[in-house]
Amino acid sequence: MQESESEIVIQTSRKTQETDLLVESVDSALVTLVDAGAEVMVPAFNIQVGRCAVVLDPWGNRLVILDLSKGVLLTDSEGKVVDNEKR
């Protein structure tokens, strides 16, 4: 999206849709979302770049929250992941 760090990614491989949100801390965001009425579908877990969790908001929308606490992925000239860039 122009002049923004946001992006829209459309996937067609699954019938269900979800909104993915990048947050500073999954654990903190999870507390905030649950306090606001969200239901935890998948508790926080580690991923290669940080942490991730899945919630259902009070209106039935599936939200995936993730953070980059371990850093973004680094790739070689062929696009293969070689390491994490530490934050």
PDB file of N, CA and C in Angstrom:
ATOM      1  N   MET A   1       0.845  -1.162   0.000  1.00  0.00           N
ATOM      2  CA  MET A   1       0.000   0.000   0.000  1.00  0.00           C
ATOM      3  C   MET A   1       0.899   1.235   0.000  1.00  0.00           C
ATOM      4  N   GLN A   2       0.585   2.155  -0.826  1.00  0.00           N
ATOM      5  CA  GLN A   2       1.412   3.333  -1.028  1.00  0.00           C
ATOM      6  C   GLN A   2       1.663   4.100   0.269  1.00  0.00           C
ATOM      7  N   GLU A   3       2.907   4.503   0.474  1.00  0.00           N
ATOM      8  CA  GLU A   3       3.323   5.285   1.635  1.00  0.00           C
ATOM      9  C   GLU A   3       2.940   4.630   2.954  1.00  0.00           C
ATOM     10  N   SER A   4       3.074   3.321   3.015  1.00  0.00           N
ATOM     11  CA  SER A   4       2.700   2.572   4.207  1.00  0.00           C
ATOM     12  C   SER A   4       3.551   1.311   4.282  1.00  0.00           C
ATOM     13  N   GLU A   5       3.651   0.769   5.471  1.00  0.00           N
ATOM     14  CA  GLU A   5       4.324  -0.517   5.627  1.00  0.00           C
ATOM     15  C   GLU A   5       3.319  -1.661   5.547  1.00  0.00           C
ATOM     16  N   SER A   6       2.060  -1.337   5.296  1.00  0.00           N
ATOM     17  CA  SER A   6       1.009  -2.348   5.197  1.00  0.00           C
ATOM     18  C   SER A   6       1.036  -3.012   3.832  1.00  0.00           C
ATOM     19  N   GLU A   7       0.535  -4.230   3.791  1.00  0.00           N
ATOM     20  CA  GLU A   7       0.421  -4.922   2.517  1.00  0.00           C
ATOM     21  C   GLU A   7      -0.831  -5.781   2.536  1.00  0.00           C
ATOM     22  N   ILE A   8      -1.367  -6.039   1.373  1.00  0.00           N
ATOM     23  CA  ILE A   8      -2.512  -6.927   1.229  1.00  0.00           C
ATOM     24  C   ILE A   8      -2.027  -8.157   0.482  1.00  0.00           C
ATOM     25  N   VAL A   9      -2.252  -9.320   1.076  1.00  0.00           N
ATOM     26  CA  VAL A   9      -1.858 -10.582   0.462  1.00  0.00           C
ATOM     27  C   VAL A   9      -3.126 -11.408   0.294  1.00  0.00           C
ATOM     28  N   ILE A  10      -3.396 -11.836  -0.901  1.00  0.00           N
ATOM     29  CA  ILE A  10      -4.579 -12.645  -1.172  1.00  0.00           C
ATOM     30  C   ILE A  10      -4.132 -14.075  -1.415  1.00  0.00           C
ATOM     31  N   GLN A  11      -4.727 -14.985  -0.648  1.00  0.00           N
ATOM     32  CA  GLN A  11      -4.414 -16.395  -0.834  1.00  0.00           C
ATOM     33  C   GLN A  11      -5.676 -17.102  -1.310  1.00  0.00           C
ATOM     34  N   THR A  12      -5.489 -18.113  -2.136  1.00  0.00           N
ATOM     35  CA  THR A  12      -6.637 -18.856  -2.657  1.00  0.00           C
ATOM     36  C   THR A  12      -6.541 -20.344  -2.350  1.00  0.00           C
ATOM     37  N   SER A  13      -5.529 -20.738  -1.561  1.00  0.00           N
ATOM     38  CA  SER A  13      -5.338 -22.167  -1.300  1.00  0.00           C
ATOM     39  C   SER A  13      -6.240 -22.694  -0.175  1.00  0.00           C
ATOM     40  N   ARG A  14      -6.756 -21.808   0.690  1.00  0.00           N
ATOM     41  CA  ARG A  14      -7.644 -22.231   1.777  1.00  0.00           C
ATOM     42  C   ARG A  14      -8.975 -21.502   1.646  1.00  0.00           C
ATOM     43  N   LYS A  15     -10.042 -22.154   2.046  1.00  0.00           N
ATOM     44  CA  LYS A  15     -11.363 -21.523   1.969  1.00  0.00           C
ATOM     45  C   LYS A  15     -11.554 -20.477   3.064  1.00  0.00           C
ATOM     46  N   THR A  16     -10.919 -20.681   4.214  1.00  0.00           N
ATOM     47  CA  THR A  16     -11.068 -19.723   5.296  1.00  0.00           C
ATOM     48  C   THR A  16     -10.153 -18.525   5.072  1.00  0.00           C
ATOM     49  N   GLN A  17     -10.621 -17.379   5.517  1.00  0.00           N
ATOM     50  CA  GLN A  17      -9.820 -16.176   5.417  1.00  0.00           C
ATOM     51  C   GLN A  17      -9.437 -15.721   6.814  1.00  0.00           C
ATOM     52  N   GLU A  18      -8.349 -14.992   6.905  1.00  0.00           N
ATOM     53  CA  GLU A  18      -7.891 -14.505   8.194  1.00  0.00           C
ATOM     54  C   GLU A  18      -7.204 -13.167   7.975  1.00  0.00           C
ATOM     55  N   THR A  19      -7.091 -12.427   9.045  1.00  0.00           N
ATOM     56  CA  THR A  19      -6.345 -11.177   9.027  1.00  0.00           C
ATOM     57  C   THR A  19      -5.095 -11.393   9.851  1.00  0.00           C
ATOM     58  N   ASP A  20      -3.937 -11.094   9.280  1.00  0.00           N
ATOM     59  CA  ASP A  20      -2.665 -11.232   9.980  1.00  0.00           C
ATOM     60  C   ASP A  20      -2.216  -9.848  10.432  1.00  0.00           C
ATOM     61  N   LEU A  21      -1.896  -9.735  11.719  1.00  0.00           N
ATOM     62  CA  LEU A  21      -1.493  -8.453  12.289  1.00  0.00           C
ATOM     63  C   LEU A  21      -0.101  -8.564  12.884  1.00  0.00           C
ATOM     64  N   LEU A  22       0.784  -7.674  12.486  1.00  0.00           N
ATOM     65  CA  LEU A  22       2.120  -7.612  13.053  1.00  0.00           C
ATOM     66  C   LEU A  22       2.055  -6.727  14.294  1.00  0.00           C
ATOM     67  N   VAL A  23       2.514  -7.258  15.420  1.00  0.00           N
ATOM     68  CA  VAL A  23       2.478  -6.535  16.691  1.00  0.00           C
ATOM     69  C   VAL A  23       3.876  -6.506  17.285  1.00  0.00           C
ATOM     70  N   GLU A  24       4.089  -5.612  18.237  1.00  0.00           N
ATOM     71  CA  GLU A  24       5.390  -5.544  18.913  1.00  0.00           C
ATOM     72  C   GLU A  24       5.646  -6.799  19.738  1.00  0.00           C
ATOM     73  N   SER A  25       4.613  -7.271  20.450  1.00  0.00           N
ATOM     74  CA  SER A  25       4.737  -8.448  21.309  1.00  0.00           C
ATOM     75  C   SER A  25       3.444  -9.248  21.243  1.00  0.00           C
ATOM     76  N   VAL A  26       3.532 -10.487  20.790  1.00  0.00           N
ATOM     77  CA  VAL A  26       2.356 -11.357  20.724  1.00  0.00           C
ATOM     78  C   VAL A  26       1.770 -11.572  22.114  1.00  0.00           C
ATOM     79  N   ASP A  27       2.623 -11.790  23.089  1.00  0.00           N
ATOM     80  CA  ASP A  27       2.130 -12.076  24.434  1.00  0.00           C
ATOM     81  C   ASP A  27       1.341 -10.894  25.001  1.00  0.00           C
ATOM     82  N   SER A  28       1.831  -9.676  24.810  1.00  0.00           N
ATOM     83  CA  SER A  28       1.116  -8.484  25.280  1.00  0.00           C
ATOM     84  C   SER A  28      -0.172  -8.266  24.490  1.00  0.00           C
ATOM     85  N   ALA A  29      -0.101  -8.422  23.181  1.00  0.00           N
ATOM     86  CA  ALA A  29      -1.280  -8.232  22.340  1.00  0.00           C
ATOM     87  C   ALA A  29      -2.356  -9.251  22.668  1.00  0.00           C
ATOM     88  N   LEU A  30      -1.950 -10.467  22.977  1.00  0.00           N
ATOM     89  CA  LEU A  30      -2.902 -11.516  23.315  1.00  0.00           C
ATOM     90  C   LEU A  30      -3.703 -11.142  24.565  1.00  0.00           C
ATOM     91  N   VAL A  31      -3.025 -10.612  25.569  1.00  0.00           N
ATOM     92  CA  VAL A  31      -3.712 -10.168  26.794  1.00  0.00           C
ATOM     93  C   VAL A  31      -4.718  -9.066  26.458  1.00  0.00           C
ATOM     94  N   THR A  32      -4.296  -8.095  25.661  1.00  0.00           N
ATOM     95  CA  THR A  32      -5.173  -6.985  25.279  1.00  0.00           C
ATOM     96  C   THR A  32      -6.388  -7.480  24.508  1.00  0.00           C
ATOM     97  N   LEU A  33      -6.175  -8.373  23.548  1.00  0.00           N
ATOM     98  CA  LEU A  33      -7.276  -8.891  22.738  1.00  0.00           C
ATOM     99  C   LEU A  33      -8.263  -9.710  23.572  1.00  0.00           C
ATOM    100  N   VAL A  34      -7.756 -10.542  24.458  1.00  0.00           N
ATOM    101  CA  VAL A  34      -8.637 -11.348  25.320  1.00  0.00           C
ATOM    102  C   VAL A  34      -9.435 -10.434  26.249  1.00  0.00           C
ATOM    103  N   ASP A  35      -8.792  -9.423  26.802  1.00  0.00           N
ATOM    104  CA  ASP A  35      -9.497  -8.457  27.655  1.00  0.00           C
ATOM    105  C   ASP A  35     -10.603  -7.736  26.890  1.00  0.00           C
ATOM    106  N   ALA A  36     -10.430  -7.597  25.569  1.00  0.00           N
ATOM    107  CA  ALA A  36     -11.423  -6.929  24.725  1.00  0.00           C
ATOM    108  C   ALA A  36     -12.488  -7.890  24.206  1.00  0.00           C
ATOM    109  N   GLY A  37     -12.420  -9.174  24.613  1.00  0.00           N
ATOM    110  CA  GLY A  37     -13.459 -10.122  24.234  1.00  0.00           C
ATOM    111  C   GLY A  37     -13.074 -11.162  23.213  1.00  0.00           C
ATOM    112  N   ALA A  38     -11.816 -11.194  22.795  1.00  0.00           N
ATOM    113  CA  ALA A  38     -11.381 -12.212  21.833  1.00  0.00           C
ATOM    114  C   ALA A  38     -11.232 -13.564  22.530  1.00  0.00           C
ATOM    115  N   GLU A  39     -11.381 -14.615  21.757  1.00  0.00           N
ATOM    116  CA  GLU A  39     -11.219 -15.993  22.252  1.00  0.00           C
ATOM    117  C   GLU A  39      -9.950 -16.581  21.636  1.00  0.00           C
ATOM    118  N   VAL A  40      -9.101 -17.152  22.473  1.00  0.00           N
ATOM    119  CA  VAL A  40      -7.864 -17.749  21.971  1.00  0.00           C
ATOM    120  C   VAL A  40      -8.188 -19.058  21.262  1.00  0.00           C
ATOM    121  N   MET A  41      -7.822 -19.141  19.990  1.00  0.00           N
ATOM    122  CA  MET A  41      -8.003 -20.368  19.223  1.00  0.00           C
ATOM    123  C   MET A  41      -6.722 -21.202  19.249  1.00  0.00           C
ATOM    124  N   VAL A  42      -5.571 -20.536  19.113  1.00  0.00           N
ATOM    125  CA  VAL A  42      -4.267 -21.189  19.176  1.00  0.00           C
ATOM    126  C   VAL A  42      -3.397 -20.326  20.093  1.00  0.00           C
ATOM    127  N   PRO A  43      -3.004 -20.862  21.250  1.00  0.00           N
ATOM    128  CA  PRO A  43      -2.159 -20.082  22.172  1.00  0.00           C
ATOM    129  C   PRO A  43      -0.839 -19.689  21.521  1.00  0.00           C
ATOM    130  N   ALA A  44      -0.186 -18.699  22.096  1.00  0.00           N
ATOM    131  CA  ALA A  44       1.086 -18.200  21.565  1.00  0.00           C
ATOM    132  C   ALA A  44       2.102 -19.334  21.432  1.00  0.00           C
ATOM    133  N   PHE A  45       2.817 -19.335  20.321  1.00  0.00           N
ATOM    134  CA  PHE A  45       3.848 -20.335  20.064  1.00  0.00           C
ATOM    135  C   PHE A  45       4.998 -19.676  19.316  1.00  0.00           C
ATOM    136  N   ASN A  46       6.159 -20.300  19.374  1.00  0.00           N
ATOM    137  CA  ASN A  46       7.349 -19.774  18.710  1.00  0.00           C
ATOM    138  C   ASN A  46       7.317 -20.089  17.221  1.00  0.00           C
ATOM    139  N   ILE A  47       7.773 -19.120  16.419  1.00  0.00           N
ATOM    140  CA  ILE A  47       7.982 -19.301  14.986  1.00  0.00           C
ATOM    141  C   ILE A  47       9.402 -18.838  14.675  1.00  0.00           C
ATOM    142  N   GLN A  48       9.866 -19.052  13.478  1.00  0.00           N
ATOM    143  CA  GLN A  48      11.254 -18.753  13.133  1.00  0.00           C
ATOM    144  C   GLN A  48      11.608 -17.278  13.353  1.00  0.00           C
ATOM    145  N   VAL A  49      10.670 -16.377  13.122  1.00  0.00           N
ATOM    146  CA  VAL A  49      10.965 -14.950  13.251  1.00  0.00           C
ATOM    147  C   VAL A  49      10.541 -14.353  14.587  1.00  0.00           C
ATOM    148  N   GLY A  50       9.799 -15.102  15.401  1.00  0.00           N
ATOM    149  CA  GLY A  50       9.329 -14.566  16.682  1.00  0.00           C
ATOM    150  C   GLY A  50       8.268 -15.437  17.332  1.00  0.00           C
ATOM    151  N   ARG A  51       7.079 -14.853  17.534  1.00  0.00           N
ATOM    152  CA  ARG A  51       5.968 -15.571  18.167  1.00  0.00           C
ATOM    153  C   ARG A  51       4.700 -15.332  17.364  1.00  0.00           C
ATOM    154  N   CYS A  52       3.723 -16.225  17.557  1.00  0.00           N
ATOM    155  CA  CYS A  52       2.471 -16.169  16.814  1.00  0.00           C
ATOM    156  C   CYS A  52       1.347 -16.702  17.698  1.00  0.00           C
ATOM    157  N   ALA A  53       0.118 -16.250  17.462  1.00  0.00           N
ATOM    158  CA  ALA A  53      -1.077 -16.769  18.135  1.00  0.00           C
ATOM    159  C   ALA A  53      -2.269 -16.507  17.219  1.00  0.00           C
ATOM    160  N   VAL A  54      -3.360 -17.205  17.474  1.00  0.00           N
ATOM    161  CA  VAL A  54      -4.577 -17.031  16.676  1.00  0.00           C
ATOM    162  C   VAL A  54      -5.742 -16.811  17.633  1.00  0.00           C
ATOM    163  N   VAL A  55      -6.542 -15.774  17.342  1.00  0.00           N
ATOM    164  CA  VAL A  55      -7.729 -15.489  18.152  1.00  0.00           C
ATOM    165  C   VAL A  55      -8.940 -15.330  17.258  1.00  0.00           C
ATOM    166  N   LEU A  56     -10.101 -15.429  17.884  1.00  0.00           N
ATOM    167  CA  LEU A  56     -11.371 -15.148  17.223  1.00  0.00           C
ATOM    168  C   LEU A  56     -11.913 -13.901  17.905  1.00  0.00           C
ATOM    169  N   ASP A  57     -12.123 -12.835  17.139  1.00  0.00           N
ATOM    170  CA  ASP A  57     -12.602 -11.608  17.766  1.00  0.00           C
ATOM    171  C   ASP A  57     -14.090 -11.753  18.107  1.00  0.00           C
ATOM    172  N   PRO A  58     -14.659 -10.805  18.858  1.00  0.00           N
ATOM    173  CA  PRO A  58     -16.064 -10.939  19.278  1.00  0.00           C
ATOM    174  C   PRO A  58     -17.067 -11.024  18.128  1.00  0.00           C
ATOM    175  N   TRP A  59     -16.665 -10.657  16.923  1.00  0.00           N
ATOM    176  CA  TRP A  59     -17.559 -10.701  15.762  1.00  0.00           C
ATOM    177  C   TRP A  59     -17.301 -11.917  14.876  1.00  0.00           C
ATOM    178  N   GLY A  60     -16.452 -12.829  15.343  1.00  0.00           N
ATOM    179  CA  GLY A  60     -16.207 -14.063  14.605  1.00  0.00           C
ATOM    180  C   GLY A  60     -15.092 -14.004  13.582  1.00  0.00           C
ATOM    181  N   ASN A  61     -14.305 -12.935  13.584  1.00  0.00           N
ATOM    182  CA  ASN A  61     -13.184 -12.819  12.643  1.00  0.00           C
ATOM    183  C   ASN A  61     -11.951 -13.504  13.216  1.00  0.00           C
ATOM    184  N   ARG A  62     -11.302 -14.295  12.395  1.00  0.00           N
ATOM    185  CA  ARG A  62     -10.065 -14.984  12.796  1.00  0.00           C
ATOM    186  C   ARG A  62      -8.899 -14.014  12.601  1.00  0.00           C
ATOM    187  N   LEU A  63      -8.155 -13.772  13.673  1.00  0.00           N
ATOM    188  CA  LEU A  63      -7.009 -12.869  13.634  1.00  0.00           C
ATOM    189  C   LEU A  63      -5.752 -13.639  13.996  1.00  0.00           C
ATOM    190  N   VAL A  64      -4.751 -13.548  13.154  1.00  0.00           N
ATOM    191  CA  VAL A  64      -3.446 -14.136  13.438  1.00  0.00           C
ATOM    192  C   VAL A  64      -2.542 -12.975  13.836  1.00  0.00           C
ATOM    193  N   ILE A  65      -1.959 -13.064  15.025  1.00  0.00           N
ATOM    194  CA  ILE A  65      -1.035 -12.019  15.450  1.00  0.00           C
ATOM    195  C   ILE A  65       0.367 -12.605  15.489  1.00  0.00           C
ATOM    196  N   LEU A  66       1.329 -11.823  15.042  1.00  0.00           N
ATOM    197  CA  LEU A  66       2.704 -12.296  15.058  1.00  0.00           C
ATOM    198  C   LEU A  66       3.648 -11.138  15.326  1.00  0.00           C
ATOM    199  N   ASP A  67       4.796 -11.484  15.900  1.00  0.00           N
ATOM    200  CA  ASP A  67       5.828 -10.475  16.114  1.00  0.00           C
ATOM    201  C   ASP A  67       7.128 -10.952  15.487  1.00  0.00           C
ATOM    202  N   LEU A  68       8.034 -10.016  15.336  1.00  0.00           N
ATOM    203  CA  LEU A  68       9.340 -10.304  14.739  1.00  0.00           C
ATOM    204  C   LEU A  68      10.432 -10.210  15.795  1.00  0.00           C
ATOM    205  N   SER A  69      10.161 -10.735  16.979  1.00  0.00           N
ATOM    206  CA  SER A  69      11.087 -10.607  18.103  1.00  0.00           C
ATOM    207  C   SER A  69      12.416 -11.335  17.882  1.00  0.00           C
ATOM    208  N   LYS A  70      12.459 -12.270  16.934  1.00  0.00           N
ATOM    209  CA  LYS A  70      13.716 -12.960  16.623  1.00  0.00           C
ATOM    210  C   LYS A  70      14.387 -12.376  15.381  1.00  0.00           C
ATOM    211  N   GLY A  71      13.762 -11.391  14.758  1.00  0.00           N
ATOM    212  CA  GLY A  71      14.329 -10.748  13.575  1.00  0.00           C
ATOM    213  C   GLY A  71      13.758 -11.304  12.283  1.00  0.00           C
ATOM    214  N   VAL A  72      13.907 -10.530  11.218  1.00  0.00           N
ATOM    215  CA  VAL A  72      13.403 -10.948   9.906  1.00  0.00           C
ATOM    216  C   VAL A  72      14.335 -11.989   9.290  1.00  0.00           C
ATOM    217  N   LEU A  73      13.838 -12.711   8.314  1.00  0.00           N
ATOM    218  CA  LEU A  73      14.648 -13.728   7.639  1.00  0.00           C
ATOM    219  C   LEU A  73      15.602 -13.081   6.642  1.00  0.00           C
ATOM    220  N   LEU A  74      16.804 -13.602   6.591  1.00  0.00           N
ATOM    221  CA  LEU A  74      17.787 -13.176   5.595  1.00  0.00           C
ATOM    222  C   LEU A  74      17.867 -14.249   4.514  1.00  0.00           C
ATOM    223  N   THR A  75      17.986 -13.813   3.267  1.00  0.00           N
ATOM    224  CA  THR A  75      18.064 -14.759   2.155  1.00  0.00           C
ATOM    225  C   THR A  75      19.348 -14.539   1.365  1.00  0.00           C
ATOM    226  N   ASP A  76      19.735 -15.586   0.635  1.00  0.00           N
ATOM    227  CA  ASP A  76      20.905 -15.449  -0.237  1.00  0.00           C
ATOM    228  C   ASP A  76      20.457 -14.908  -1.592  1.00  0.00           C
ATOM    229  N   SER A  77      21.360 -14.850  -2.538  1.00  0.00           N
ATOM    230  CA  SER A  77      21.056 -14.281  -3.858  1.00  0.00           C
ATOM    231  C   SER A  77      20.003 -15.078  -4.625  1.00  0.00           C
ATOM    232  N   GLU A  78      19.774 -16.332  -4.210  1.00  0.00           N
ATOM    233  CA  GLU A  78      18.765 -17.166  -4.871  1.00  0.00           C
ATOM    234  C   GLU A  78      17.431 -17.143  -4.128  1.00  0.00           C
ATOM    235  N   GLY A  79      17.358 -16.376  -3.048  1.00  0.00           N
ATOM    236  CA  GLY A  79      16.117 -16.274  -2.290  1.00  0.00           C
ATOM    237  C   GLY A  79      15.942 -17.336  -1.227  1.00  0.00           C
ATOM    238  N   LYS A  80      16.956 -18.116  -0.975  1.00  0.00           N
ATOM    239  CA  LYS A  80      16.876 -19.158   0.059  1.00  0.00           C
ATOM    240  C   LYS A  80      17.183 -18.550   1.425  1.00  0.00           C
ATOM    241  N   VAL A  81      16.396 -18.932   2.429  1.00  0.00           N
ATOM    242  CA  VAL A  81      16.608 -18.427   3.781  1.00  0.00           C
ATOM    243  C   VAL A  81      17.922 -18.955   4.324  1.00  0.00           C
ATOM    244  N   VAL A  82      18.762 -18.049   4.846  1.00  0.00           N
ATOM    245  CA  VAL A  82      20.056 -18.440   5.359  1.00  0.00           C
ATOM    246  C   VAL A  82      20.205 -18.159   6.852  1.00  0.00           C
ATOM    247  N   ASP A  83      19.428 -17.216   7.399  1.00  0.00           N
ATOM    248  CA  ASP A  83      19.555 -16.854   8.804  1.00  0.00           C
ATOM    249  C   ASP A  83      18.473 -15.852   9.176  1.00  0.00           C
ATOM    250  N   ASN A  84      18.483 -15.443  10.431  1.00  0.00           N
ATOM    251  CA  ASN A  84      17.627 -14.363  10.905  1.00  0.00           C
ATOM    252  C   ASN A  84      18.482 -13.124  11.115  1.00  0.00           C
ATOM    253  N   GLU A  85      17.947 -11.967  10.737  1.00  0.00           N
ATOM    254  CA  GLU A  85      18.600 -10.701  11.057  1.00  0.00           C
ATOM    255  C   GLU A  85      18.159 -10.341  12.465  1.00  0.00           C
ATOM    256  N   LYS A  86      19.083 -10.289  13.382  1.00  0.00           N
ATOM    257  CA  LYS A  86      18.738 -10.038  14.774  1.00  0.00           C
ATOM    258  C   LYS A  86      18.219  -8.626  14.932  1.00  0.00           C
ATOM    259  N   ARG A  87      17.193  -8.473  15.765  1.00  0.00           N
ATOM    260  CA  ARG A  87      16.601  -7.146  16.021  1.00  0.00           C
ATOM    261  C   ARG A  87      17.310  -6.465  17.141  1.00  0.00           C
TER     262      ARG A  87
END
